[in-house]
Every structure is written in structure tokens, then in C-alpha cells.
Amino acid sequence: MPRPADSPPTPAAAADARPYHHGDLRRALLEAALAILRERGPEGLTLRAVARAAGVSQTAPYRHFADRAALVAGVAEDGFRRLFARLWQAVAAPLAPDETERARLQRLALEYLRFALEHPAEYRIMFGNALGGAQLEGSSVPLPASFTEARASVFALLREGIAQLQARGLVRSEDASAMALSAWALMHGLAMLTLDGQVAQAGEIAPEALALTATDLMMFGMDAGR
């Protein structure tokens, strides 16, 4: 996976973020929502609570979020954007003298897992059932295009990395999208097992060591010749 030459191709800009009396209202609401989510969990995430925490009127959030489900989607979108930026930085960093091009794929896996473990509350929101389809669960509001693009950008980064490794003959030639989805499923499963406390049952194995093992198995299989 070659080092990117330019700044990250960020997804399309989020919905209208017109200035408010203290600056960017949408940003202020999302920051308040994240603070509530991390402190109280998803149950505490309501438009009224977010408005109170942001210091705005109870009707102000409706300028950007039609209902609670739309607010949840906004939090998830923000999470995917931050995850994308973090993964991009991992890919863009120069390779060490002892690293191969495959190391960039392992960097993606490591940073993905670290993000999930450092931000468990929003990670669960990002992959919650309410955001699985085109329509927000419990809402008449469709998923915004900006959310779909933010989520897709993470998958596209992984797919492009695999495609570039294929072009260099370092990964076998199969459907890059299928391989990327399989790799994502592998790391997501490891992240969720770790967050749910199941990894501890496998013994004293650090999650990051598991991530390296998982990516090594993904690239080379369990062939005893390795």
C-alpha cells in the first residue's frame, strides 16, 4: 500500500452548519452529545439533554436533527469521520526500514482496534442496529447522505489498500471488495469480543497482539509452512 501523497480525501461535508450565537451549533451539539454518551450511555442521549449541555434552547437542536434517531446518526457519522482520519494517518506515515508494504494493512487493523477500545460508547453507536439500513430505526427520517459517505470512506480506504497490494502481487487476485469486507468483519469481531470482555477468556493476550495475529492469518492463512 503506497504512502498517500496528499491530504486525506475527506467525505462530503456534513449537513448545513450555520453559525449560532456561540459559533457552530451543530458542532456544539455533537460535542455535548459525545460527552453525555460517554458519561451516561446511549440512554442519556436525548435532544433535551444535549440542548441543556450545549447551553442552547430546547428547540435549537431541531435546526440540525429532526429527532433523537437523527442525533444518534450524527454522533455515528462524527465517529466514522474521526476513525477515517485516524486510519489515514496510519497509512500515510512512512514505512520503517524493517517494514514491508503489508505493514500498512496491519497499521489499519491496529488503529481500528485502538479506536474501538478508546471510544467504546460511540463505537457501539456507529455499528448499532438503528443505522444498518437506509432508514433510521424508529424515525421517519432517512439516513443522511453525509453519514453514508462517512461510513463508506472507511471501507473504501481498506479496499483501496488491498487493491494496491494486489497490484504489486503481494495479495492474491480476488474480489477486493469481498476481501476488504472480510477483513473488516475480522477486526470488528475482535473489537466487539474485546469490548464485551470475551478476549480475556483466551488468556493473557494483549488485544494489539491479537490484531497482529489476525492480520497475519488474513494475509497468509494457517499454512504450517509459515
C-alpha atoms as a PDB file:
ATOM      1  CA  MET A   1       0.000   0.000   0.000  1.00  0.00           C
ATOM      2  CA  PRO A   2       1.879   3.141  -1.134  1.00  0.00           C
ATOM      3  CA  ARG A   3       2.082   6.177   1.039  1.00  0.00           C
ATOM      4  CA  PRO A   4      -0.615   8.745   0.110  1.00  0.00           C
ATOM      5  CA  ALA A   5       0.884  11.877  -1.356  1.00  0.00           C
ATOM      6  CA  ASP A   6      -1.769  14.385  -0.426  1.00  0.00           C
ATOM      7  CA  SER A   7      -4.166  15.187   2.390  1.00  0.00           C
ATOM      8  CA  PRO A   8      -6.951  12.648   3.028  1.00  0.00           C
ATOM      9  CA  PRO A   9      -9.920  12.656   0.642  1.00  0.00           C
ATOM     10  CA  THR A  10     -12.438  13.587   3.284  1.00  0.00           C
ATOM     11  CA  PRO A  11     -16.070  12.583   2.765  1.00  0.00           C
ATOM     12  CA  ALA A  12     -18.565  15.210   1.700  1.00  0.00           C
ATOM     13  CA  ALA A  13     -19.245  17.961   4.204  1.00  0.00           C
ATOM     14  CA  ALA A  14     -21.901  17.350   6.815  1.00  0.00           C
ATOM     15  CA  ALA A  15     -25.328  18.950   6.716  1.00  0.00           C
ATOM     16  CA  ASP A  16     -25.649  22.726   6.954  1.00  0.00           C
ATOM     17  CA  ALA A  17     -23.793  24.016   9.999  1.00  0.00           C
ATOM     18  CA  ARG A  18     -24.886  27.640  10.057  1.00  0.00           C
ATOM     19  CA  PRO A  19     -23.247  29.777  12.749  1.00  0.00           C
ATOM     20  CA  TYR A  20     -25.045  30.102  16.062  1.00  0.00           C
ATOM     21  CA  HIS A  21     -24.632  32.742  18.726  1.00  0.00           C
ATOM     22  CA  HIS A  22     -21.651  30.903  20.211  1.00  0.00           C
ATOM     23  CA  GLY A  23     -20.265  29.524  16.933  1.00  0.00           C
ATOM     24  CA  ASP A  24     -21.029  26.263  15.165  1.00  0.00           C
ATOM     25  CA  LEU A  25     -24.279  24.964  16.628  1.00  0.00           C
ATOM     26  CA  ARG A  26     -24.076  21.519  15.063  1.00  0.00           C
ATOM     27  CA  ARG A  27     -20.529  21.019  16.347  1.00  0.00           C
ATOM     28  CA  ALA A  28     -21.522  22.199  19.812  1.00  0.00           C
ATOM     29  CA  LEU A  29     -24.454  19.786  19.865  1.00  0.00           C
ATOM     30  CA  LEU A  30     -22.310  16.856  18.762  1.00  0.00           C
ATOM     31  CA  GLU A  31     -19.660  17.589  21.386  1.00  0.00           C
ATOM     32  CA  ALA A  32     -22.351  17.764  24.040  1.00  0.00           C
ATOM     33  CA  ALA A  33     -23.833  14.504  22.762  1.00  0.00           C
ATOM     34  CA  LEU A  34     -20.458  12.752  22.924  1.00  0.00           C
ATOM     35  CA  ALA A  35     -19.907  13.914  26.491  1.00  0.00           C
ATOM     36  CA  ILE A  36     -23.347  12.632  27.504  1.00  0.00           C
ATOM     37  CA  LEU A  37     -22.846   9.342  25.674  1.00  0.00           C
ATOM     38  CA  ARG A  38     -19.517   8.670  27.375  1.00  0.00           C
ATOM     39  CA  GLU A  39     -20.839   9.578  30.809  1.00  0.00           C
ATOM     40  CA  ARG A  40     -24.381   8.171  30.798  1.00  0.00           C
ATOM     41  CA  GLY A  41     -24.524   5.778  27.875  1.00  0.00           C
ATOM     42  CA  PRO A  42     -26.976   5.850  24.945  1.00  0.00           C
ATOM     43  CA  GLU A  43     -29.988   6.030  27.277  1.00  0.00           C
ATOM     44  CA  GLY A  44     -28.997   9.560  28.274  1.00  0.00           C
ATOM     45  CA  LEU A  45     -28.708  10.738  24.695  1.00  0.00           C
ATOM     46  CA  THR A  46     -31.784  12.915  24.137  1.00  0.00           C
ATOM     47  CA  LEU A  47     -32.281  16.183  22.299  1.00  0.00           C
ATOM     48  CA  ARG A  48     -33.338  17.908  25.505  1.00  0.00           C
ATOM     49  CA  ALA A  49     -30.256  16.705  27.396  1.00  0.00           C
ATOM     50  CA  VAL A  50     -27.965  17.709  24.548  1.00  0.00           C
ATOM     51  CA  ALA A  51     -29.534  21.180  24.328  1.00  0.00           C
ATOM     52  CA  ARG A  52     -29.094  21.663  28.059  1.00  0.00           C
ATOM     53  CA  ALA A  53     -25.470  20.518  27.969  1.00  0.00           C
ATOM     54  CA  ALA A  54     -24.707  22.761  24.993  1.00  0.00           C
ATOM     55  CA  GLY A  55     -26.344  25.748  26.673  1.00  0.00           C
ATOM     56  CA  VAL A  56     -28.949  26.362  23.967  1.00  0.00           C
ATOM     57  CA  SER A  57     -32.739  26.386  23.874  1.00  0.00           C
ATOM     58  CA  GLN A  58     -34.654  23.108  23.754  1.00  0.00           C
ATOM     59  CA  THR A  59     -35.745  23.841  20.197  1.00  0.00           C
ATOM     60  CA  ALA A  60     -32.253  24.692  18.895  1.00  0.00           C
ATOM     61  CA  PRO A  61     -31.203  21.053  18.168  1.00  0.00           C
ATOM     62  CA  TYR A  62     -34.061  20.722  15.692  1.00  0.00           C
ATOM     63  CA  ARG A  63     -32.171  23.041  13.356  1.00  0.00           C
ATOM     64  CA  HIS A  64     -29.900  20.075  12.597  1.00  0.00           C
ATOM     65  CA  PHE A  65     -31.550  16.924  13.989  1.00  0.00           C
ATOM     66  CA  ALA A  66     -35.194  16.108  13.295  1.00  0.00           C
ATOM     67  CA  ASP A  67     -35.406  13.692  16.226  1.00  0.00           C
ATOM     68  CA  ARG A  68     -33.306  11.566  18.575  1.00  0.00           C
ATOM     69  CA  ALA A  69     -32.574   8.995  15.870  1.00  0.00           C
ATOM     70  CA  ALA A  70     -31.124  11.704  13.650  1.00  0.00           C
ATOM     71  CA  LEU A  71     -28.946  12.847  16.555  1.00  0.00           C
ATOM     72  CA  VAL A  72     -27.672   9.291  17.007  1.00  0.00           C
ATOM     73  CA  ALA A  73     -26.837   9.178  13.298  1.00  0.00           C
ATOM     74  CA  GLY A  74     -24.950  12.460  13.686  1.00  0.00           C
ATOM     75  CA  VAL A  75     -22.878  11.041  16.536  1.00  0.00           C
ATOM     76  CA  ALA A  76     -22.141   7.927  14.482  1.00  0.00           C
ATOM     77  CA  GLU A  77     -21.180   9.990  11.444  1.00  0.00           C
ATOM     78  CA  ASP A  78     -18.784  12.029  13.557  1.00  0.00           C
ATOM     79  CA  GLY A  79     -17.261   8.776  14.798  1.00  0.00           C
ATOM     80  CA  PHE A  80     -16.714   7.447  11.281  1.00  0.00           C
ATOM     81  CA  ARG A  81     -15.061  10.710  10.264  1.00  0.00           C
ATOM     82  CA  ARG A  82     -12.655  10.570  13.198  1.00  0.00           C
ATOM     83  CA  LEU A  83     -11.963   6.893  12.543  1.00  0.00           C
ATOM     84  CA  PHE A  84     -11.250   7.635   8.891  1.00  0.00           C
ATOM     85  CA  ALA A  85      -8.823  10.430   9.798  1.00  0.00           C
ATOM     86  CA  ARG A  86      -7.023   8.175  12.246  1.00  0.00           C
ATOM     87  CA  LEU A  87      -6.707   5.316   9.758  1.00  0.00           C
ATOM     88  CA  TRP A  88      -5.479   7.691   7.084  1.00  0.00           C
ATOM     89  CA  GLN A  89      -2.720   8.970   9.339  1.00  0.00           C
ATOM     90  CA  ALA A  90      -1.635   5.384   9.978  1.00  0.00           C
ATOM     91  CA  VAL A  91      -1.454   4.675   6.249  1.00  0.00           C
ATOM     92  CA  ALA A  92       0.285   7.946   5.421  1.00  0.00           C
ATOM     93  CA  ALA A  93       3.132   7.502   7.909  1.00  0.00           C
ATOM     94  CA  PRO A  94       6.423   6.455   6.262  1.00  0.00           C
ATOM     95  CA  LEU A  95       7.439   2.826   6.496  1.00  0.00           C
ATOM     96  CA  ALA A  96      10.259   1.909   8.856  1.00  0.00           C
ATOM     97  CA  PRO A  97      13.347   0.275   7.285  1.00  0.00           C
ATOM     98  CA  ASP A  98      12.234  -3.157   8.507  1.00  0.00           C
ATOM     99  CA  GLU A  99       8.604  -2.795   7.343  1.00  0.00           C
ATOM    100  CA  THR A 100       7.083  -4.092   4.117  1.00  0.00           C
ATOM    101  CA  GLU A 101       4.090  -2.697   2.222  1.00  0.00           C
ATOM    102  CA  ARG A 102       1.903  -5.218   4.047  1.00  0.00           C
ATOM    103  CA  ALA A 103       2.692  -3.362   7.273  1.00  0.00           C
ATOM    104  CA  ARG A 104       0.311  -0.590   6.245  1.00  0.00           C
ATOM    105  CA  LEU A 105      -2.575  -3.028   6.313  1.00  0.00           C
ATOM    106  CA  GLN A 106      -1.574  -4.093   9.805  1.00  0.00           C
ATOM    107  CA  ARG A 107      -1.410  -0.452  10.858  1.00  0.00           C
ATOM    108  CA  LEU A 108      -5.018  -0.063   9.750  1.00  0.00           C
ATOM    109  CA  ALA A 109      -6.001  -3.064  11.860  1.00  0.00           C
ATOM    110  CA  LEU A 110      -4.148  -1.797  14.919  1.00  0.00           C
ATOM    111  CA  GLU A 111      -5.547   1.733  14.729  1.00  0.00           C
ATOM    112  CA  TYR A 112      -9.041   0.411  14.093  1.00  0.00           C
ATOM    113  CA  LEU A 113      -8.879  -1.708  17.226  1.00  0.00           C
ATOM    114  CA  ARG A 114      -7.353   1.104  19.279  1.00  0.00           C
ATOM    115  CA  PHE A 115     -10.132   3.464  18.215  1.00  0.00           C
ATOM    116  CA  ALA A 116     -12.793   0.954  19.266  1.00  0.00           C
ATOM    117  CA  LEU A 117     -11.170   0.372  22.667  1.00  0.00           C
ATOM    118  CA  GLU A 118     -10.584   4.080  23.333  1.00  0.00           C
ATOM    119  CA  HIS A 119     -14.107   5.100  22.305  1.00  0.00           C
ATOM    120  CA  PRO A 120     -16.334   2.134  23.172  1.00  0.00           C
ATOM    121  CA  ALA A 121     -19.575   4.085  23.601  1.00  0.00           C
ATOM    122  CA  GLU A 122     -19.535   5.759  20.211  1.00  0.00           C
ATOM    123  CA  TYR A 123     -18.124   2.653  18.534  1.00  0.00           C
ATOM    124  CA  ARG A 124     -21.222   0.742  19.611  1.00  0.00           C
ATOM    125  CA  ILE A 125     -23.384   3.609  18.343  1.00  0.00           C
ATOM    126  CA  MET A 126     -21.571   3.601  14.990  1.00  0.00           C
ATOM    127  CA  PHE A 127     -22.424  -0.047  14.414  1.00  0.00           C
ATOM    128  CA  GLY A 128     -25.804  -0.138  16.135  1.00  0.00           C
ATOM    129  CA  ASN A 129     -28.845  -1.771  14.577  1.00  0.00           C
ATOM    130  CA  ALA A 130     -30.564   1.587  14.131  1.00  0.00           C
ATOM    131  CA  LEU A 131     -28.006   2.541  11.480  1.00  0.00           C
ATOM    132  CA  GLY A 132     -27.958  -0.658   9.491  1.00  0.00           C
ATOM    133  CA  GLY A 133     -30.284   0.343   6.664  1.00  0.00           C
ATOM    134  CA  ALA A 134     -31.302   3.344   4.619  1.00  0.00           C
ATOM    135  CA  GLN A 135     -33.935   4.402   7.154  1.00  0.00           C
ATOM    136  CA  LEU A 136     -33.283   5.346  10.763  1.00  0.00           C
ATOM    137  CA  GLU A 137     -34.909   2.899  13.134  1.00  0.00           C
ATOM    138  CA  GLY A 138     -37.840   4.471  14.963  1.00  0.00           C
ATOM    139  CA  SER A 139     -37.792   7.556  12.761  1.00  0.00           C
ATOM    140  CA  SER A 140     -39.352   8.836   9.558  1.00  0.00           C
ATOM    141  CA  VAL A 141     -36.034  10.443   8.666  1.00  0.00           C
ATOM    142  CA  PRO A 142     -33.773   8.645   6.164  1.00  0.00           C
ATOM    143  CA  LEU A 143     -30.082   8.255   6.863  1.00  0.00           C
ATOM    144  CA  PRO A 144     -28.353  11.418   5.619  1.00  0.00           C
ATOM    145  CA  ALA A 145     -26.057  11.074   2.626  1.00  0.00           C
ATOM    146  CA  SER A 146     -23.215  12.520   4.694  1.00  0.00           C
ATOM    147  CA  PHE A 147     -23.476   9.579   7.126  1.00  0.00           C
ATOM    148  CA  THR A 148     -23.471   7.027   4.316  1.00  0.00           C
ATOM    149  CA  GLU A 149     -20.408   8.677   2.781  1.00  0.00           C
ATOM    150  CA  ALA A 150     -18.544   8.848   6.080  1.00  0.00           C
ATOM    151  CA  ARG A 151     -19.152   5.149   6.742  1.00  0.00           C
ATOM    152  CA  ALA A 152     -18.252   4.194   3.166  1.00  0.00           C
ATOM    153  CA  SER A 153     -14.977   6.126   3.344  1.00  0.00           C
ATOM    154  CA  VAL A 154     -13.613   3.726   5.961  1.00  0.00           C
ATOM    155  CA  PHE A 155     -14.453   0.706   3.813  1.00  0.00           C
ATOM    156  CA  ALA A 156     -13.044   2.390   0.697  1.00  0.00           C
ATOM    157  CA  LEU A 157      -9.733   3.051   2.439  1.00  0.00           C
ATOM    158  CA  LEU A 158      -9.375  -0.628   3.311  1.00  0.00           C
ATOM    159  CA  ARG A 159     -10.499  -1.779  -0.138  1.00  0.00           C
ATOM    160  CA  GLU A 160      -8.046   0.536  -1.878  1.00  0.00           C
ATOM    161  CA  GLY A 161      -5.214  -0.716   0.301  1.00  0.00           C
ATOM    162  CA  ILE A 162      -5.961  -4.321  -0.606  1.00  0.00           C
ATOM    163  CA  ALA A 163      -6.301  -3.443  -4.294  1.00  0.00           C
ATOM    164  CA  GLN A 164      -2.893  -1.761  -4.283  1.00  0.00           C
ATOM    165  CA  LEU A 165      -1.309  -4.765  -2.608  1.00  0.00           C
ATOM    166  CA  GLN A 166      -2.906  -6.942  -5.277  1.00  0.00           C
ATOM    167  CA  ALA A 167      -1.436  -4.736  -7.993  1.00  0.00           C
ATOM    168  CA  ARG A 168       2.015  -5.411  -6.518  1.00  0.00           C
ATOM    169  CA  GLY A 169       1.457  -9.133  -6.356  1.00  0.00           C
ATOM    170  CA  LEU A 170       1.522  -9.169  -2.544  1.00  0.00           C
ATOM    171  CA  VAL A 171      -2.091 -10.307  -2.144  1.00  0.00           C
ATOM    172  CA  ARG A 172      -3.846 -12.865  -4.319  1.00  0.00           C
ATOM    173  CA  SER A 173      -6.148 -11.610  -7.050  1.00  0.00           C
ATOM    174  CA  GLU A 174      -9.709 -11.958  -5.832  1.00  0.00           C
ATOM    175  CA  ASP A 175     -12.587  -9.544  -5.383  1.00  0.00           C
ATOM    176  CA  ALA A 176     -11.021  -6.673  -3.425  1.00  0.00           C
ATOM    177  CA  SER A 177     -14.391  -5.617  -2.019  1.00  0.00           C
ATOM    178  CA  ALA A 178     -15.111  -9.104  -0.680  1.00  0.00           C
ATOM    179  CA  MET A 179     -11.645  -9.314   0.832  1.00  0.00           C
ATOM    180  CA  ALA A 180     -11.990  -5.862   2.402  1.00  0.00           C
ATOM    181  CA  LEU A 181     -15.368  -6.750   3.900  1.00  0.00           C
ATOM    182  CA  SER A 182     -13.932  -9.985   5.294  1.00  0.00           C
ATOM    183  CA  ALA A 183     -11.013  -8.090   6.806  1.00  0.00           C
ATOM    184  CA  TRP A 184     -13.389  -5.526   8.325  1.00  0.00           C
ATOM    185  CA  ALA A 185     -15.555  -8.296   9.753  1.00  0.00           C
ATOM    186  CA  LEU A 186     -12.476  -9.880  11.307  1.00  0.00           C
ATOM    187  CA  MET A 187     -11.380  -6.692  13.055  1.00  0.00           C
ATOM    188  CA  HIS A 188     -14.906  -5.709  14.045  1.00  0.00           C
ATOM    189  CA  GLY A 189     -15.417  -9.119  15.604  1.00  0.00           C
ATOM    190  CA  LEU A 190     -12.160  -8.814  17.529  1.00  0.00           C
ATOM    191  CA  ALA A 191     -13.125  -5.316  18.674  1.00  0.00           C
ATOM    192  CA  MET A 192     -16.540  -6.425  19.916  1.00  0.00           C
ATOM    193  CA  LEU A 193     -15.166  -9.514  21.647  1.00  0.00           C
ATOM    194  CA  THR A 194     -12.651  -7.298  23.434  1.00  0.00           C
ATOM    195  CA  LEU A 195     -15.255  -4.700  24.410  1.00  0.00           C
ATOM    196  CA  ASP A 196     -17.556  -7.431  25.727  1.00  0.00           C
ATOM    197  CA  GLY A 197     -14.784  -8.899  27.871  1.00  0.00           C
ATOM    198  CA  GLN A 198     -14.541 -12.144  25.929  1.00  0.00           C
ATOM    199  CA  VAL A 199     -10.909 -11.793  24.853  1.00  0.00           C
ATOM    200  CA  ALA A 200      -9.778 -12.094  28.480  1.00  0.00           C
ATOM    201  CA  GLN A 201     -11.036 -15.681  28.484  1.00  0.00           C
ATOM    202  CA  ALA A 202      -8.413 -16.554  25.855  1.00  0.00           C
ATOM    203  CA  GLY A 203      -5.625 -15.889  28.348  1.00  0.00           C
ATOM    204  CA  GLU A 204      -3.171 -13.079  28.841  1.00  0.00           C
ATOM    205  CA  ILE A 205      -3.073 -11.940  25.215  1.00  0.00           C
ATOM    206  CA  ALA A 206      -2.969  -8.226  24.524  1.00  0.00           C
ATOM    207  CA  PRO A 207      -5.632  -7.072  22.050  1.00  0.00           C
ATOM    208  CA  GLU A 208      -2.954  -5.469  19.879  1.00  0.00           C
ATOM    209  CA  ALA A 209      -1.103  -8.784  19.678  1.00  0.00           C
ATOM    210  CA  LEU A 210      -4.360 -10.408  18.603  1.00  0.00           C
ATOM    211  CA  ALA A 211      -4.779  -7.757  15.921  1.00  0.00           C
ATOM    212  CA  LEU A 212      -1.343  -8.546  14.509  1.00  0.00           C
ATOM    213  CA  THR A 213      -2.053 -12.263  14.613  1.00  0.00           C
ATOM    214  CA  ALA A 214      -5.425 -11.770  12.931  1.00  0.00           C
ATOM    215  CA  THR A 215      -3.988  -9.703  10.082  1.00  0.00           C
ATOM    216  CA  ASP A 216      -1.138 -12.171   9.642  1.00  0.00           C
ATOM    217  CA  LEU A 217      -3.651 -15.012   9.357  1.00  0.00           C
ATOM    218  CA  MET A 218      -5.718 -12.947   6.951  1.00  0.00           C
ATOM    219  CA  MET A 219      -2.749 -12.371   4.651  1.00  0.00           C
ATOM    220  CA  PHE A 220      -1.029 -15.753   4.922  1.00  0.00           C
ATOM    221  CA  GLY A 221      -3.570 -18.201   6.326  1.00  0.00           C
ATOM    222  CA  MET A 222      -2.710 -21.003   8.734  1.00  0.00           C
ATOM    223  CA  ASP A 223      -0.268 -22.701   6.401  1.00  0.00           C
ATOM    224  CA  ALA A 224       2.268 -24.590   8.505  1.00  0.00           C
ATOM    225  CA  GLY A 225       4.925 -23.530   6.016  1.00  0.00           C
ATOM    226  CA  ARG A 226       4.793 -20.075   7.536  1.00  0.00           C
END
